[in-house]
C-alpha atoms as a PDB file:
ATOM      1  CA  MET A   1     -39.684  58.769  73.912  1.00  0.00           C
ATOM      2  CA  GLY A   2     -37.530  56.687  76.264  1.00  0.00           C
ATOM      3  CA  VAL A   3     -34.866  55.957  73.641  1.00  0.00           C
ATOM      4  CA  PHE A   4     -34.571  59.635  72.734  1.00  0.00           C
ATOM      5  CA  GLU A   5     -34.084  60.629  76.397  1.00  0.00           C
ATOM      6  CA  PHE A   6     -31.504  57.865  76.806  1.00  0.00           C
ATOM      7  CA  ILE A   7     -29.510  59.099  73.804  1.00  0.00           C
ATOM      8  CA  ILE A   8     -29.649  62.709  75.061  1.00  0.00           C
ATOM      9  CA  SER A   9     -28.393  61.643  78.490  1.00  0.00           C
ATOM     10  CA  ILE A  10     -25.520  59.603  76.989  1.00  0.00           C
ATOM     11  CA  VAL A  11     -24.476  62.547  74.781  1.00  0.00           C
ATOM     12  CA  ALA A  12     -24.630  64.925  77.758  1.00  0.00           C
ATOM     13  CA  MET A  13     -22.466  62.632  79.898  1.00  0.00           C
ATOM     14  CA  ALA A  14     -19.939  62.201  77.078  1.00  0.00           C
ATOM     15  CA  LEU A  15     -19.695  65.947  76.523  1.00  0.00           C
ATOM     16  CA  GLY A  16     -19.251  66.502  80.247  1.00  0.00           C
ATOM     17  CA  ALA A  17     -16.473  63.923  80.435  1.00  0.00           C
ATOM     18  CA  ILE A  18     -14.710  65.400  77.394  1.00  0.00           C
ATOM     19  CA  THR A  19     -14.922  68.895  78.893  1.00  0.00           C
ATOM     20  CA  ILE A  20     -13.403  67.748  82.187  1.00  0.00           C
ATOM     21  CA  TRP A  21     -10.685  65.853  80.309  1.00  0.00           C
ATOM     22  CA  ILE A  22      -9.759  68.966  78.290  1.00  0.00           C
ATOM     23  CA  PHE A  23      -9.552  71.118  81.435  1.00  0.00           C
ATOM     24  CA  LEU A  24      -7.342  68.553  83.173  1.00  0.00           C
ATOM     25  CA  LEU A  25      -4.995  68.357  80.189  1.00  0.00           C
ATOM     26  CA  ARG A  26      -4.759  72.131  80.027  1.00  0.00           C
ATOM     27  CA  LYS A  27      -4.028  72.361  83.730  1.00  0.00           C
ATOM     28  CA  SER A  28      -1.271  69.734  83.565  1.00  0.00           C
ATOM     29  CA  ARG A  29       0.390  71.495  80.601  1.00  0.00           C
ATOM     30  CA  GLY A  30       0.228  74.860  82.314  1.00  0.00           C
ATOM     31  CA  SER A  31       1.884  73.622  85.500  1.00  0.00           C
ATOM     32  CA  SER A  32       5.114  72.686  83.705  1.00  0.00           C
ATOM     33  CA  ASN A  33       5.692  76.132  82.206  1.00  0.00           C
ATOM     34  CA  ILE A  34       8.779  78.091  83.196  1.00  0.00           C
ATOM     35  CA  GLU A  35       8.020  80.777  85.735  1.00  0.00           C
ATOM     36  CA  PRO A  36       9.403  84.216  84.896  1.00  0.00           C
ATOM     37  CA  GLN A  37      10.081  84.975  88.566  1.00  0.00           C
ATOM     38  CA  GLY A  38      12.360  81.942  88.875  1.00  0.00           C
ATOM     39  CA  ASN A  39      10.508  80.465  91.857  1.00  0.00           C
ATOM     40  CA  TYR A  40      11.179  76.756  91.554  1.00  0.00           C
ATOM     41  CA  ASP A  41      10.944  73.849  93.900  1.00  0.00           C
ATOM     42  CA  MET A  42      14.048  71.665  94.153  1.00  0.00           C
ATOM     43  CA  ARG A  43      11.999  68.677  92.937  1.00  0.00           C
ATOM     44  CA  GLU A  44      10.988  70.630  89.828  1.00  0.00           C
ATOM     45  CA  LEU A  45      14.594  71.618  89.149  1.00  0.00           C
ATOM     46  CA  SER A  46      15.736  68.049  89.652  1.00  0.00           C
ATOM     47  CA  ALA A  47      13.077  66.765  87.250  1.00  0.00           C
ATOM     48  CA  MET A  48      14.046  69.405  84.671  1.00  0.00           C
ATOM     49  CA  ALA A  49      17.735  68.489  84.976  1.00  0.00           C
ATOM     50  CA  GLU A  50      16.977  64.786  84.618  1.00  0.00           C
ATOM     51  CA  SER A  51      14.829  65.454  81.563  1.00  0.00           C
ATOM     52  CA  LEU A  52      17.563  67.558  79.972  1.00  0.00           C
ATOM     53  CA  GLY A  53      20.135  64.869  80.762  1.00  0.00           C
ATOM     54  CA  ASP A  54      17.959  62.280  79.034  1.00  0.00           C
ATOM     55  CA  ARG A  55      17.654  64.531  75.996  1.00  0.00           C
ATOM     56  CA  ILE A  56      21.407  65.034  75.830  1.00  0.00           C
ATOM     57  CA  ASP A  57      21.974  61.270  76.069  1.00  0.00           C
ATOM     58  CA  THR A  58      19.501  60.729  73.221  1.00  0.00           C
ATOM     59  CA  LEU A  59      21.151  63.362  71.054  1.00  0.00           C
ATOM     60  CA  GLU A  60      24.600  61.909  71.718  1.00  0.00           C
ATOM     61  CA  ALA A  61      23.349  58.428  70.795  1.00  0.00           C
ATOM     62  CA  ILE A  62      21.943  59.783  67.523  1.00  0.00           C
ATOM     63  CA  LEU A  63      25.208  61.583  66.760  1.00  0.00           C
ATOM     64  CA  ASP A  64      27.220  58.461  67.585  1.00  0.00           C
ATOM     65  CA  ALA A  65      25.133  56.498  65.083  1.00  0.00           C
ATOM     66  CA  GLU A  66      25.134  59.153  62.346  1.00  0.00           C
ATOM     67  CA  VAL A  67      28.602  60.735  62.755  1.00  0.00           C
ATOM     68  CA  PRO A  68      30.896  58.284  64.575  1.00  0.00           C
ATOM     69  CA  ASP A  69      33.818  60.705  65.010  1.00  0.00           C
ATOM     70  CA  TRP A  70      31.838  63.779  66.063  1.00  0.00           C
ATOM     71  CA  ARG A  71      33.401  63.815  69.529  1.00  0.00           C
ATOM     72  CA  GLU A  72      36.952  64.022  68.138  1.00  0.00           C
ATOM     73  CA  GLN A  73      35.938  66.716  65.661  1.00  0.00           C
ATOM     74  CA  ASN A  74      34.323  68.727  68.453  1.00  0.00           C
ATOM     75  CA  GLU A  75      37.345  68.423  70.781  1.00  0.00           C
ATOM     76  CA  HIS A  76      39.795  69.598  68.078  1.00  0.00           C
ATOM     77  CA  GLY A  77      37.512  72.419  66.963  1.00  0.00           C
ATOM     78  CA  GLY A  78      37.072  73.821  70.459  1.00  0.00           C
ATOM     79  CA  SER A  79      40.784  73.820  71.395  1.00  0.00           C
END
């Protein structure tokens, strides 16, 4: 009977840890959502701007590799 109780306790602890882990992941995802009221902290806005800047840099690097003259085409098309 001791082995059976040991296995039950291990399963219960694992399920508890998984449940806590899921709640923490959900909470961290929910905190980064855009607020409809527009109430933002300057640190949040700065982090968002930095993230968007990184994305733009990545996209420009991809375009530079795939379409070398995309900048010239874009400048002539916009003028």
